[in-house]
Protein backbone atom coordinates (compact mmCIF):
# COMPACT_ATOMS: atom_id res chain seq x y z
CA MET A 1 -29.72 -150.63 -79.65
CA GLY A 2 -31.84 -147.47 -79.62
CA ALA A 3 -30.45 -144.13 -78.44
CA VAL A 4 -30.74 -143.43 -74.74
CA THR A 5 -32.70 -140.18 -74.06
CA LYS A 6 -31.33 -138.24 -71.06
CA THR A 7 -33.82 -136.38 -68.96
CA ALA A 8 -33.05 -133.65 -66.45
CA SER A 9 -33.07 -134.70 -62.88
CA PRO A 10 -35.85 -133.34 -60.60
CA THR A 11 -33.21 -131.43 -58.65
CA ARG A 12 -31.90 -129.73 -61.77
CA ARG A 13 -35.43 -128.90 -63.04
CA GLY A 14 -36.29 -127.36 -59.66
CA ARG A 15 -33.17 -125.24 -59.66
CA SER A 16 -33.91 -123.97 -63.18
CA LEU A 17 -37.47 -123.08 -62.24
CA ARG A 18 -36.28 -121.16 -59.16
CA LEU A 19 -33.73 -119.25 -61.19
CA ALA A 20 -36.33 -118.39 -63.80
CA ALA A 21 -38.73 -117.22 -61.11
CA ALA A 22 -36.08 -115.10 -59.43
CA PHE A 23 -35.12 -113.57 -62.75
CA ALA A 24 -38.78 -112.72 -63.49
CA VAL A 25 -39.11 -111.05 -60.08
CA LEU A 26 -35.92 -109.05 -60.73
CA LEU A 27 -37.19 -107.92 -64.09
CA GLY A 28 -40.46 -106.84 -62.54
CA LEU A 29 -38.66 -104.90 -59.83
CA VAL A 30 -36.51 -103.11 -62.41
CA ALA A 31 -39.56 -102.24 -64.48
CA TYR A 32 -41.33 -100.91 -61.40
CA VAL A 33 -38.39 -98.70 -60.43
CA VAL A 34 -38.02 -97.33 -63.97
CA VAL A 35 -41.75 -96.49 -64.27
CA HIS A 36 -41.73 -95.07 -60.69
CA TYR A 37 -38.97 -92.60 -61.48
CA VAL A 38 -39.69 -91.85 -65.11
CA SER A 39 -43.25 -90.90 -64.13
CA GLY A 40 -41.88 -88.61 -61.41
CA ASP A 41 -43.45 -90.75 -58.67
CA GLY A 42 -41.11 -90.74 -55.70
CA ALA A 43 -38.48 -88.60 -57.38
CA PRO A 44 -37.33 -85.48 -55.49
CA ARG A 45 -39.69 -82.60 -56.31
CA CYS A 46 -41.14 -79.41 -55.05
CA VAL A 47 -44.76 -78.39 -55.36
CA VAL A 48 -46.32 -74.93 -55.16
CA ARG A 49 -50.07 -74.80 -54.36
CA SER A 50 -52.51 -71.99 -54.02
CA GLY A 51 -54.27 -71.52 -50.71
CA ASP A 52 -57.53 -73.20 -51.66
CA GLY A 53 -56.23 -75.69 -54.27
CA GLY A 54 -58.88 -74.55 -56.73
CA ASP A 55 -59.02 -74.62 -60.54
CA PRO A 56 -55.53 -75.50 -61.85
CA ASP A 57 -56.26 -74.06 -65.30
CA ARG A 58 -56.69 -70.46 -64.26
CA SER A 59 -53.94 -68.16 -65.40
CA GLY A 60 -51.94 -65.13 -64.41
CA ALA A 61 -52.72 -63.49 -61.09
CA GLU A 62 -55.89 -65.60 -60.87
CA ALA A 63 -53.73 -68.70 -60.51
CA ALA A 64 -52.17 -67.29 -57.37
CA GLU A 65 -55.46 -66.02 -55.93
CA GLY A 66 -58.02 -68.62 -57.08
CA GLY A 67 -56.26 -71.95 -57.24
CA GLY A 68 -53.39 -73.76 -58.95
CA ARG A 69 -50.55 -76.21 -58.60
CA TYR A 70 -47.07 -76.22 -60.10
CA GLU A 71 -44.45 -78.92 -59.75
CA LEU A 72 -40.71 -78.35 -60.22
CA SER A 73 -37.36 -79.94 -59.33
CA PRO A 74 -35.42 -78.99 -56.23
CA GLU A 75 -32.78 -77.34 -58.44
CA MET A 76 -35.47 -75.19 -60.11
CA ALA A 77 -37.02 -74.31 -56.77
CA ALA A 78 -33.71 -73.24 -55.29
CA ASN A 79 -32.99 -70.94 -58.24
CA ALA A 80 -36.52 -69.55 -58.15
CA ALA A 81 -36.19 -68.81 -54.38
CA THR A 82 -32.93 -66.95 -55.04
CA ILE A 83 -34.48 -64.86 -57.82
CA SER A 84 -37.40 -63.96 -55.55
CA ALA A 85 -35.22 -63.12 -52.55
CA VAL A 86 -32.94 -60.85 -54.58
CA GLY A 87 -35.96 -59.00 -55.96
CA THR A 88 -37.69 -58.37 -52.63
CA THR A 89 -34.42 -57.40 -50.99
CA ARG A 90 -34.06 -54.71 -53.64
CA GLY A 91 -37.54 -53.48 -52.84
CA MET A 92 -39.03 -54.77 -56.08
CA PRO A 93 -42.78 -55.57 -56.04
CA GLU A 94 -44.21 -59.07 -56.47
CA ARG A 95 -45.02 -58.27 -60.12
CA ALA A 96 -41.30 -57.77 -60.82
CA VAL A 97 -40.59 -61.20 -59.25
CA THR A 98 -43.27 -62.73 -61.46
CA ILE A 99 -41.69 -61.18 -64.59
CA ALA A 100 -38.23 -62.40 -63.57
CA LEU A 101 -39.42 -65.92 -62.89
CA ALA A 102 -41.34 -66.18 -66.14
CA THR A 103 -38.26 -64.92 -67.99
CA ALA A 104 -35.98 -67.47 -66.35
CA LEU A 105 -38.49 -70.28 -66.94
CA GLN A 106 -38.44 -69.46 -70.67
CA GLU A 107 -34.73 -68.78 -70.99
CA SER A 108 -33.32 -71.69 -68.95
CA ALA A 109 -36.16 -73.64 -67.34
CA LEU A 110 -34.80 -72.20 -64.07
CA ARG A 111 -31.48 -74.06 -64.52
CA ASN A 112 -28.15 -72.35 -64.24
CA ILE A 113 -26.86 -73.58 -67.59
CA ARG A 114 -23.39 -72.99 -68.97
CA HIS A 115 -24.40 -72.78 -72.63
CA GLY A 116 -26.88 -71.11 -74.91
CA ASP A 117 -27.30 -69.08 -78.08
CA ARG A 118 -23.87 -67.59 -78.93
CA ASP A 119 -22.32 -66.66 -75.60
CA SER A 120 -25.54 -66.72 -73.55
CA LEU A 121 -25.22 -68.18 -70.04
CA GLY A 122 -27.06 -68.76 -66.81
CA LEU A 123 -30.64 -68.46 -65.57
CA PHE A 124 -31.52 -65.51 -67.83
CA GLN A 125 -29.20 -66.40 -70.72
CA GLN A 126 -27.30 -63.15 -70.37
CA ARG A 127 -24.40 -62.46 -72.68
CA PRO A 128 -20.98 -61.29 -71.50
CA SER A 129 -20.40 -59.71 -74.87
CA GLN A 130 -23.46 -57.49 -74.29
CA GLY A 131 -22.22 -56.09 -71.01
CA TRP A 132 -24.20 -58.32 -68.63
CA GLY A 133 -21.04 -59.29 -66.70
CA THR A 134 -18.26 -61.80 -66.83
CA PRO A 135 -19.14 -65.46 -67.37
CA GLN A 136 -18.32 -66.14 -63.71
CA GLN A 137 -20.65 -63.34 -62.60
CA ILE A 138 -23.51 -64.35 -64.82
CA LEU A 139 -23.29 -67.95 -63.55
CA ASP A 140 -23.92 -66.65 -60.03
CA PRO A 141 -27.70 -66.67 -59.58
CA VAL A 142 -27.61 -63.75 -57.11
CA PHE A 143 -25.64 -61.59 -59.53
CA SER A 144 -27.63 -62.54 -62.64
CA ALA A 145 -30.97 -61.93 -60.84
CA GLY A 146 -29.71 -58.56 -59.63
CA ALA A 147 -28.66 -57.62 -63.14
CA PHE A 148 -32.08 -58.55 -64.51
CA TYR A 149 -33.81 -56.38 -61.87
CA ASP A 150 -31.48 -53.47 -62.57
CA HIS A 151 -32.58 -53.47 -66.22
CA LEU A 152 -36.23 -54.07 -65.41
CA ALA A 153 -36.27 -51.11 -63.02
CA GLU A 154 -35.26 -48.90 -65.96
CA VAL A 155 -38.37 -49.86 -67.96
CA PRO A 156 -40.97 -47.11 -67.42
CA GLY A 157 -44.22 -48.49 -65.89
CA TYR A 158 -43.01 -52.08 -66.18
CA SER A 159 -45.46 -53.25 -63.48
CA ARG A 160 -48.41 -52.09 -65.62
CA LEU A 161 -47.13 -53.54 -68.88
CA PRO A 162 -48.08 -57.00 -70.18
CA LEU A 163 -45.52 -59.47 -68.93
CA THR A 164 -44.28 -60.26 -72.43
CA VAL A 165 -43.62 -56.57 -73.12
CA ALA A 166 -41.81 -55.98 -69.85
CA ALA A 167 -39.65 -59.08 -70.19
CA GLN A 168 -38.84 -58.23 -73.86
CA ARG A 169 -37.70 -54.70 -72.95
CA VAL A 170 -35.02 -56.39 -70.82
CA GLN A 171 -34.17 -59.47 -72.84
CA ARG A 172 -34.53 -58.42 -76.49
CA SER A 173 -35.50 -61.95 -77.36
CA GLY A 174 -36.20 -63.24 -80.81
CA PHE A 175 -39.34 -64.88 -79.45
CA PRO A 176 -40.95 -62.35 -77.13
CA GLN A 177 -44.43 -63.99 -77.01
CA ALA A 178 -42.84 -67.18 -75.51
CA TYR A 179 -42.74 -65.57 -72.06
CA ALA A 180 -46.55 -65.51 -71.91
CA LYS A 181 -47.00 -69.25 -71.44
CA HIS A 182 -45.02 -69.16 -68.16
CA GLU A 183 -47.01 -66.40 -66.52
CA PRO A 184 -49.44 -68.63 -64.60
CA ASP A 185 -46.68 -70.71 -63.08
CA ALA A 186 -44.51 -67.68 -62.38
CA ALA A 187 -47.41 -65.92 -60.67
CA LEU A 188 -48.06 -68.89 -58.41
CA LEU A 189 -44.36 -69.27 -57.65
CA SER A 190 -43.86 -65.60 -56.82
CA ALA A 191 -46.96 -65.60 -54.56
CA ALA A 192 -45.40 -68.44 -52.47
CA LEU A 193 -41.80 -67.26 -52.56
CA THR A 194 -42.66 -63.66 -51.59
CA GLY A 195 -44.63 -65.01 -48.63
CA ARG A 196 -48.16 -64.30 -49.70
CA ALA A 197 -50.70 -66.43 -47.78
CA SER A 198 -52.48 -67.46 -50.93
CA ALA A 199 -49.75 -69.99 -51.87
CA SER A 200 -47.31 -72.36 -50.25
CA LEU A 201 -44.27 -74.37 -51.28
CA THR A 202 -43.16 -77.75 -50.05
CA CYS A 203 -40.48 -80.19 -51.24
CA THR A 204 -40.08 -83.92 -50.98
CA ALA A 205 -36.63 -85.47 -51.12
CA ALA A 206 -34.50 -87.99 -49.36
CA PRO A 207 -33.27 -86.72 -45.99
CA PRO A 208 -29.78 -85.20 -46.17
CA THR A 209 -27.01 -87.80 -46.17
CA LYS A 210 -24.34 -85.49 -44.84
CA PRO A 211 -24.25 -82.64 -42.28
CA GLY A 212 -25.28 -79.19 -43.38
CA ASP A 213 -22.70 -76.38 -43.28
CA PRO A 214 -23.78 -73.60 -40.89
CA ALA A 215 -21.39 -71.14 -42.46
CA LYS A 216 -22.75 -71.82 -45.94
CA LEU A 217 -26.32 -71.44 -44.74
CA ARG A 218 -25.58 -68.06 -43.22
CA SER A 219 -23.64 -67.00 -46.29
CA GLU A 220 -26.43 -67.89 -48.71
CA LEU A 221 -29.04 -66.18 -46.52
CA THR A 222 -27.07 -62.94 -46.48
CA ARG A 223 -26.18 -63.14 -50.19
CA SER A 224 -29.85 -63.58 -51.09
CA PHE A 225 -31.51 -61.30 -48.52
CA GLY A 226 -28.70 -58.89 -47.57
CA PRO A 227 -26.64 -58.64 -44.38
CA GLY A 228 -29.58 -57.29 -42.40
CA VAL A 229 -31.40 -60.68 -42.53
CA LEU A 230 -29.36 -61.88 -39.53
CA PRO A 231 -28.73 -59.97 -36.29
CA ALA A 232 -25.22 -58.64 -35.70
CA ALA A 233 -22.99 -61.26 -34.08
CA GLY A 234 -22.84 -60.83 -30.33
CA GLY A 235 -25.88 -58.59 -30.20
CA LYS A 236 -29.15 -59.19 -28.34
CA GLY A 237 -31.17 -61.81 -30.11
CA ARG A 238 -28.15 -63.23 -31.80
CA ALA A 239 -29.08 -65.87 -34.37
CA GLY A 240 -26.89 -68.59 -32.95
CA ALA A 241 -23.21 -69.28 -33.08
CA SER A 242 -21.69 -69.47 -36.50
CA GLN A 243 -21.21 -73.22 -36.25
CA SER A 244 -24.57 -74.10 -34.69
CA SER A 245 -26.71 -76.59 -36.61
CA GLU A 246 -29.85 -74.57 -35.72
CA LEU A 247 -30.38 -71.01 -36.92
CA THR A 248 -33.14 -68.63 -35.77
CA VAL A 249 -33.91 -65.90 -38.32
CA PRO A 250 -36.06 -63.14 -36.77
CA VAL A 251 -38.65 -61.24 -38.76
CA THR A 252 -37.32 -57.67 -39.00
CA SER A 253 -38.88 -54.93 -36.88
CA ALA A 254 -39.70 -53.04 -40.10
CA ALA A 255 -41.83 -55.98 -41.27
CA ARG A 256 -43.56 -56.19 -37.92
CA ASP A 257 -44.26 -52.47 -37.86
CA SER A 258 -45.77 -52.58 -41.36
CA GLY A 259 -47.91 -55.56 -40.58
CA ASP A 260 -45.98 -57.78 -43.03
CA ALA A 261 -44.43 -60.06 -40.43
CA ASP A 262 -46.24 -63.19 -41.60
CA ARG A 263 -45.38 -62.51 -45.25
CA ARG A 264 -41.72 -61.93 -44.42
CA GLY A 265 -41.66 -65.05 -42.29
CA TRP A 266 -43.13 -67.25 -44.96
CA GLU A 267 -40.79 -65.76 -47.55
CA LEU A 268 -37.83 -66.87 -45.45
CA ALA A 269 -39.42 -70.22 -44.59
CA HIS A 270 -40.18 -71.06 -48.22
CA TRP A 271 -36.68 -70.01 -49.26
CA ALA A 272 -35.24 -72.45 -46.74
CA VAL A 273 -37.41 -75.32 -47.91
CA ALA A 274 -36.51 -74.63 -51.54
CA GLN A 275 -32.80 -74.65 -50.60
CA ALA A 276 -33.05 -77.79 -48.37
CA SER A 277 -31.45 -80.19 -50.84
CA GLU A 278 -28.59 -77.79 -51.69
CA LEU A 279 -27.83 -76.74 -48.10
CA GLY A 280 -28.58 -79.86 -46.13
CA ILE A 281 -31.58 -78.39 -44.27
CA SER A 282 -33.51 -81.01 -42.29
CA GLU A 283 -36.26 -78.89 -40.73
CA VAL A 284 -37.94 -75.47 -41.10
CA SER A 285 -40.57 -74.03 -38.79
CA PHE A 286 -42.57 -70.81 -38.59
CA ALA A 287 -45.86 -69.63 -37.09
CA GLY A 288 -46.75 -73.01 -35.59
CA LYS A 289 -46.02 -74.92 -38.83
CA VAL A 290 -43.09 -77.24 -39.51
CA TRP A 291 -41.59 -78.86 -42.58
CA SER A 292 -39.08 -81.66 -42.16
CA ALA A 293 -37.10 -83.74 -44.62
CA GLU A 294 -37.93 -86.92 -42.70
CA GLU A 295 -41.65 -86.34 -43.17
CA ALA A 296 -41.56 -84.21 -46.28
CA GLY A 297 -44.46 -86.08 -47.84
CA GLU A 298 -46.76 -84.49 -45.26
CA GLY A 299 -45.83 -80.98 -46.30
CA TRP A 300 -46.28 -78.29 -43.68
CA ARG A 301 -47.58 -79.79 -40.44
CA THR A 302 -49.20 -77.98 -37.53
CA ASP A 303 -46.58 -79.01 -35.05
CA GLY A 304 -44.01 -76.20 -34.81
CA PRO A 305 -43.40 -73.49 -32.24
CA ASP A 306 -45.25 -70.20 -32.45
CA GLY A 307 -43.34 -66.96 -32.65
CA ALA A 308 -42.15 -64.24 -35.01
CA ALA A 309 -39.02 -66.04 -36.15
CA VAL A 310 -38.08 -68.73 -38.65
CA ARG A 311 -36.13 -71.65 -37.29
CA ILE A 312 -33.91 -73.60 -39.66
CA ARG A 313 -32.26 -76.83 -38.56
CA LEU A 314 -29.42 -78.44 -40.49
CA ALA A 315 -28.72 -82.14 -40.79
CA ARG A 316 -26.08 -83.32 -38.34
């Protein structure tokens, strides 16, 4: 007798086809997600744009004035905002902030790293053995930024020097010309973070998954901008109870008197957006504009309350 050939039943063949189709769909979904995130599409990010969105290839101060775009991670944006706030609080000009940001971009890519050449640490790769502070101090962005500005202020005429020269006088790097390539991005960043109208910063990220800490928000504000950034507790115009999820930060009378109220307000507002992921901030509003984590893809919307104060709302 000849051998009997067994054939799969229609039911079994159908099940196999369905499994194969489901597996193909799964592979396609995995590939889409990988491409989506590797390309940066949909990943949390912050974007700085000039006021008119002009030519993105212009450099230096022209980038801030005439057009440009720079994309960075929320971690980088938070560190950049701290560096800027420490500088302006010390009375340093925007040029000093640009020099500091370009230096940190070169030294650490604006990441607070715990390693480096020999004993170098932190945003500016400062060395404990060279008197920059203890490792713990250097890894505090507020301290390390302050130390950088202290040294920069001792450089005669630093604001008129080429950025590479000014940065090198502070850093003593083996590659001083490397700072130059970061000047366009640093100029655009400093324009936004110091509140100049020619640039703005927005961030897109998933809405906070846990409540923000009001005490931490107040602490980080005062560490970056000094104790005068918030009214004295209990005084007129008090900025909310210490445990309130909504904080009102007034523009100082000095800024109003000097005509810099808008610039000061946008400096505070951009700082809050840059720190949103770290501090659990869900909404920021100033001068009739509002940014919210829920609708972060829309950037700054014309939907907020007018007034000379920045309102920061934490996730609850």
